[in-house]
Amino acid sequence: MKPARAKTPRKPLVKKGSQTNLKDPVGVYCRVRPLSFPDHECCIEVINTTTVQLHTPEGYRLIRSGDYKETQYSFKQVFGTHTTQKELFDAVASPLVDDLIHGKNGLLFTYGVTGSGKTHTMIGSPGEGGLLPRCLNMIFNSIGSFQAKRYVFKSNDRNSMDIQCEVDALLERQKREAAPIPKTPSSKRQVDPEFADMINVQEFCKAEEVDEDSVYGAFVSYFEIYNNYIYDLLEEVPFDPIKPKWNSCSTPAKNTDFVLPQSKMLREDKNHNMYVAGCTEVEVKSTEEAFEVFWRGQKKRRIANTHLNRESSRSHSVFNIKLVQAPLDADGDNVLQEKEQITISQLSLVDLAGSERTNRTKAEGNRLREAGNINQSLMTLRTCIEVLRENQMYGTNKMVPYRDSKLTHLFKNYFDGEGKVRMIVCVNPKAEDYEESLQVMRFAEVTQEVEVARPVEKVICGLTPGRRYRNQARGGPIGDELLVADVVLQSFPPLPSCEILDINDEQTLPRLIEALEKRHDLRQMMIDEFNKQANTFKALLQEFDNAVANKENYIQGKLNEKEKLISGQKIEIERLEKKNKTLEYKIEILEKTTTIYEEDKRNLQQELETQNQKLQRHFSDKRRLEARLQGMVTETSMKWQKECERRVAATQLEMQNKLWVKDEKLKQLKAIVTEPKTEKPERPSRERDREKVTQRSVSPAPVPGDVFKTRGGGQSVQFTDIETLKQELPNGSRKRRSATVAPAQPDGTESEWTDVETRCSVAVEMRAGSQLGPGYQHHAQPKRKKP
């Protein structure tokens, strides 16, 4: 087993100057659903509350040449198979609802492969509601007693809200109630038993520090993104008997009044926020009413049965909760009729469709097209996240392709700093989903490195706080003041009877004067006491002011010291950042230099290998040439050796022929000498013959295998041996002939000896029947007789 791969440490962000807005990373959470069958192989293990580990399944290792690798991924928090919906809501969604009530936006979406539990996490099941009903429950628990009356807030088509006075709102309510169109569900209506268990949340959850001097209005909208088109799920489409009817899977249906709605367009409001134009927004006053609206749209959502999931979502659904907040006027009775003081916050709950592979889902036709659009939109989301991460980490300014998909285009404001972003990664631990889960984990790892700017808090009008409750009990303060006055008056001595019945009555006025003097003295004493206490209170107040001033001076001094320290630290940080940039620049230069050197090294190595190959080829050619020359020398030596042997043999034969010729000459001479004298008349010719014989030059040695030729009568006769020549030239012939005998040359040419001695010698040999050696050519031509 190989050790687990440690996560690559995150590279610090490249900051461009000092940024006043703080940034928060995208909160990514992981939820592991339990296996459908406990005996199935599990490929995901929860290590702790922030880490999961992926094991390579057995079958996958066999296919991938046995490579066994364990990979760990870290998240903000990991929820195991035994996590309840309440625990997940408290950790993930509750802070977003709290921010919603305080005027901040939020985005929460579930991401994962098909069948990983995204819809269950968002909606829940009977008896255990999901994040959506719990968010609604927390909202209405917090603002229930502070809600404005219906139609005080009225939505318009520009992604904003209008305020109506109480009279206009009352007229609007009466108008809606009298209209024959379906009424908005009332909170008093009996809850549908189909989803009653989902919204029956036992735990009470409420936001803290809700502004009591404001009124609130809640609006919900629900739409889906199907095949990259936006459809309003709350739109009431009138029944048209001419147009065909469609069910939730975009196929013709029977016995239903649902007609396929028209797609909606994305627009940008004056604050550059994206919204769905013409989308239905319903004002709701309770959890039951809001969830009933959601459930009505949920029935229209496109859901189909696939090979991997019996109820697979074929579209991305978006449920928006818009909270409108407006302050009360100074009297605390009515809503302040100033549109600029309205605060609109929005929480978007997105249930993304699961990514899937067609070779596993066996999708065809419409299902295949839906899967392609789902995977394309998720790929665009991943690309946008990667470009955002690259821009933030490396300081680049690449354009983020939000417009490539309606999903990313709609929520681009959240990534630009309009609210918090939270993502719940849902994974199925079964071994068949290993490859898809691995891609989901990698995307989640990249998403965690993207930071979103904190939104700027909007300051509401500076009216006196607490005016709602103070003005609701308006008679209370005046009664208390009168009660205090009565107590003070009862402390004075009672006045005597002031009735004078007799003109001579001299007691009533003195008693009245005496009583008034006592009351005056008592009043003066109380004034003195009051002044004394007031002076004491002033002294205490002055002392308190001095203490506060001293404390403020002390705190100011500490703050100045801290500011100096912070300034010094900022300077040090800037210096270190500059140094870091310099080092990064140097590292980049060194990397480029190293790359150049490595490229030169590779080129030199290639050149060296080429030269070695050329040298090897040269050595091979040289060896082949040496072998060829050796063969040629050997062949030439053998040829010349044979030629020398042939010439030696020819020379020896020539010498033998010369000796033989000489012997024949001696014999002929001897015969001539011993010849009878009766033959003297012919002596002159014999003398001429002897002279010719004596004048004959030595012929070259005959060559074996030569050809003999004779010419006579204008014809040339060829002989191959001496015997044939003897037959053609019989012994004792006395005819005059001119003969030339020459050996045939190696190249086939003929050498003729025409000197007299040779002809005479040949003639003598012919007469004597001599045998010429092979290799001679004999040419005989008859001579003309002289006239």
Foldseek 3Di string as FASTA:
>chain_A
DDDEDDDDDDFDWQDDDDDPFDWDFAAEEEEEADAPDVVFDFQWADPDFFKIKGWADPVNCVVVVNDTYIYMFTGPTYHYNPDAQVVVLVVFVPVQLLVQLQQAAEEEEEAAFWPLCLVCQQANDQQGGHNPLVSQQQNCLAQQVQADDPPQWDDDQQPAIAGDWPVVRVVVVVVQVPDPDDHQDAPPDDFDPVCPRRNPDPDHHYHPDRANQKHKWKKKFKWWQFLQFIDGLLDDDAADPVDFAAALQRDGDPDDRHHGDDTWDWDAHPVRAIDTGPTDIDIDNHSRSLVVSVVSSVRNFRFDCWLVHGTFGLTKMKMKMKMKMFGCDQQQPITDNDRVQIRIYMYIYIYQGRQDDCVRRVDDDPRVSSNVSSVVQVVLVLQLLLVLLCCRRVVDDDDRPQVVGPVSVNCVVQLAARHHYHYYYRYHRGNVCSVRVVVSSVSSSSSSSHIHTHDDRDDGDPHDGPSNVCSVPVVVVVVVVVVVVVVVVVVQDDADDQDDDDPPDPPNVVSRVVSVVSRVVVVVVVVVVVVVVVVVVVVVVVVVVVVVVVVVVVVVVVVVVVVVVVVVVVVVVVVVSVVVVVVVVVVVVVVVVVVVVVVVVVVVVVVVVVVVVVVVVVVVVVVVVVVVVVVVVVVVVVVVVVVVVQVVVQQVQLVVVVVVLVVVLVVVVVCVVVPDCVPVVCVVVVVVLNVLQVVADRAGGAGAQFWAWEDEPNDIRIHRAQVVVCVVLPAQDPADKFKWKFFADPVRDTDTDRRSNRRSSVVVCSNHSHGDHGRIYMYIYGDDDDD
